[in-house]
Amino acid sequence: MKEIILVFLGGGLGSTIRFILNKLIPNDSFPFSTLIVNLIGSFLIGLIISYLIKNNMLKSDYFLLLVVGICGGLTTFSAFSLENLNMIKSNEIFNSIIYILISVSFCIIITYLGYTLMNKILN
């Protein structure tokens, strides 16, 4: 039950942060707000996972709260998918391809950067 509560609290916090950022970041002709929250979440997950691995805490409550909860609530693959579907339906194929390429490649790169940065800080 404690695990469910940790994920619930973290997910609520992450979703709230995403909601606020979506209100603050313009989303006129390109889904910048979703891209930015996914980049932030990717960077955070890299930092957090690196820290948890280094401190042998991968199976801890911190993992559930921070990684599954907050980062899971903050990032959003479903919005990313819907935004791409809407671009495709609007014949914005080029924008959709750019969005997919930027999102996937940059999120992986920034996760790696967060992971590497935390490793350097901890060593």
Protein backbone atom coordinates (compact mmCIF):
# COMPACT_ATOMS: atom_id res chain seq x y z
CA MET A 1 0.00 0.00 0.00
CA LYS A 2 2.88 2.38 0.78
CA GLU A 3 4.24 1.86 -2.74
CA ILE A 4 0.92 2.85 -4.29
CA ILE A 5 0.74 6.00 -2.15
CA LEU A 6 4.29 7.01 -3.14
CA VAL A 7 3.54 6.60 -6.85
CA PHE A 8 0.20 8.40 -6.40
CA LEU A 9 1.77 11.38 -4.64
CA GLY A 10 4.68 11.61 -7.05
CA GLY A 11 2.43 11.22 -10.08
CA GLY A 12 0.14 13.96 -8.82
CA LEU A 13 3.06 16.29 -8.27
CA GLY A 14 4.59 15.52 -11.68
CA SER A 15 1.26 16.00 -13.44
CA THR A 16 0.70 19.30 -11.65
CA ILE A 17 4.14 20.54 -12.70
CA ARG A 18 3.36 19.50 -16.29
CA PHE A 19 0.02 21.32 -16.16
CA ILE A 20 1.68 24.52 -14.92
CA LEU A 21 4.46 24.34 -17.51
CA ASN A 22 1.89 23.73 -20.27
CA LYS A 23 0.14 26.94 -19.20
CA LEU A 24 3.40 28.93 -19.18
CA ILE A 25 4.94 27.70 -22.44
CA PRO A 26 3.35 28.83 -25.71
CA ASN A 27 2.07 26.02 -27.89
CA ASP A 28 0.97 27.92 -30.99
CA SER A 29 2.27 26.24 -34.13
CA PHE A 30 4.41 23.53 -32.56
CA PRO A 31 3.90 21.50 -29.35
CA PHE A 32 6.79 23.14 -27.49
CA SER A 33 5.27 22.63 -24.03
CA THR A 34 5.11 18.84 -24.38
CA LEU A 35 8.60 18.76 -25.85
CA ILE A 36 9.99 20.83 -22.97
CA VAL A 37 8.29 18.83 -20.20
CA ASN A 38 9.54 15.61 -21.81
CA LEU A 39 13.08 17.03 -22.01
CA ILE A 40 12.95 18.17 -18.38
CA GLY A 41 11.61 14.80 -17.28
CA SER A 42 14.26 12.97 -19.29
CA PHE A 43 17.04 15.03 -17.74
CA LEU A 44 15.63 14.50 -14.24
CA ILE A 45 15.29 10.76 -14.72
CA GLY A 46 18.92 10.58 -15.85
CA LEU A 47 20.06 12.49 -12.75
CA ILE A 48 17.88 10.48 -10.39
CA ILE A 49 18.68 7.04 -11.80
CA SER A 50 22.39 7.79 -11.70
CA TYR A 51 22.12 8.84 -8.06
CA LEU A 52 20.00 5.84 -7.10
CA ILE A 53 22.33 3.37 -8.83
CA LYS A 54 25.42 4.93 -7.24
CA ASN A 55 23.82 4.68 -3.78
CA ASN A 56 22.34 1.21 -4.30
CA MET A 57 18.79 2.60 -3.97
CA LEU A 58 17.19 1.41 -7.19
CA LYS A 59 14.66 -0.69 -5.31
CA SER A 60 13.88 2.03 -2.78
CA ASP A 61 10.88 4.20 -2.06
CA TYR A 62 12.78 7.06 -3.71
CA PHE A 63 12.62 5.22 -7.03
CA LEU A 64 8.85 4.88 -6.75
CA LEU A 65 8.29 8.49 -5.68
CA LEU A 66 10.80 10.23 -7.95
CA VAL A 67 11.13 8.05 -11.05
CA VAL A 68 7.80 6.27 -11.39
CA GLY A 69 5.74 9.00 -9.74
CA ILE A 70 7.15 12.46 -10.45
CA CYS A 71 8.98 11.74 -13.72
CA GLY A 72 6.18 9.49 -14.92
CA GLY A 73 3.58 12.15 -14.15
CA LEU A 74 5.67 14.95 -15.61
CA THR A 75 6.47 13.34 -18.95
CA THR A 76 3.73 12.48 -21.38
CA PHE A 77 3.92 10.05 -24.26
CA SER A 78 0.16 10.14 -24.77
CA ALA A 79 0.11 13.91 -25.43
CA PHE A 80 3.12 13.47 -27.74
CA SER A 81 1.21 10.78 -29.65
CA LEU A 82 -1.98 12.85 -29.90
CA GLU A 83 -0.09 15.93 -31.05
CA ASN A 84 1.57 13.87 -33.80
CA LEU A 85 -1.75 12.39 -34.84
CA ASN A 86 -3.25 15.89 -35.06
CA MET A 87 -0.32 17.12 -37.14
CA ILE A 88 -0.66 14.15 -39.51
CA LYS A 89 -4.42 14.71 -39.83
CA SER A 90 -3.70 18.39 -40.63
CA ASN A 91 -1.20 17.38 -43.32
CA GLU A 92 1.69 18.74 -41.28
CA ILE A 93 3.75 15.65 -42.01
CA PHE A 94 7.07 17.50 -41.98
CA ASN A 95 6.35 19.05 -38.55
CA SER A 96 5.32 15.65 -37.22
CA ILE A 97 8.53 14.02 -38.45
CA ILE A 98 10.64 16.84 -36.99
CA TYR A 99 8.75 16.58 -33.68
CA ILE A 100 9.27 12.81 -33.52
CA LEU A 101 12.97 13.04 -34.38
CA ILE A 102 13.66 15.89 -31.95
CA SER A 103 11.63 14.35 -29.13
CA VAL A 104 13.07 10.86 -29.32
CA SER A 105 16.69 11.75 -30.02
CA PHE A 106 16.93 14.75 -27.68
CA CYS A 107 15.15 12.97 -24.81
CA ILE A 108 17.58 10.06 -25.03
CA ILE A 109 20.57 12.41 -25.29
CA ILE A 110 19.44 14.56 -22.38
CA THR A 111 18.76 11.49 -20.22
CA TYR A 112 22.33 10.43 -20.90
CA LEU A 113 23.59 13.94 -20.07
CA GLY A 114 21.71 13.94 -16.76
CA TYR A 115 23.03 10.49 -15.95
CA THR A 116 26.60 11.48 -16.83
CA LEU A 117 26.40 14.79 -14.96
CA MET A 118 25.26 13.10 -11.75
CA ASN A 119 28.01 10.47 -12.12
CA LYS A 120 30.58 13.29 -12.32
CA ILE A 121 29.08 15.08 -9.33
CA LEU A 122 29.13 11.90 -7.24
CA ASN A 123 32.71 10.92 -8.13
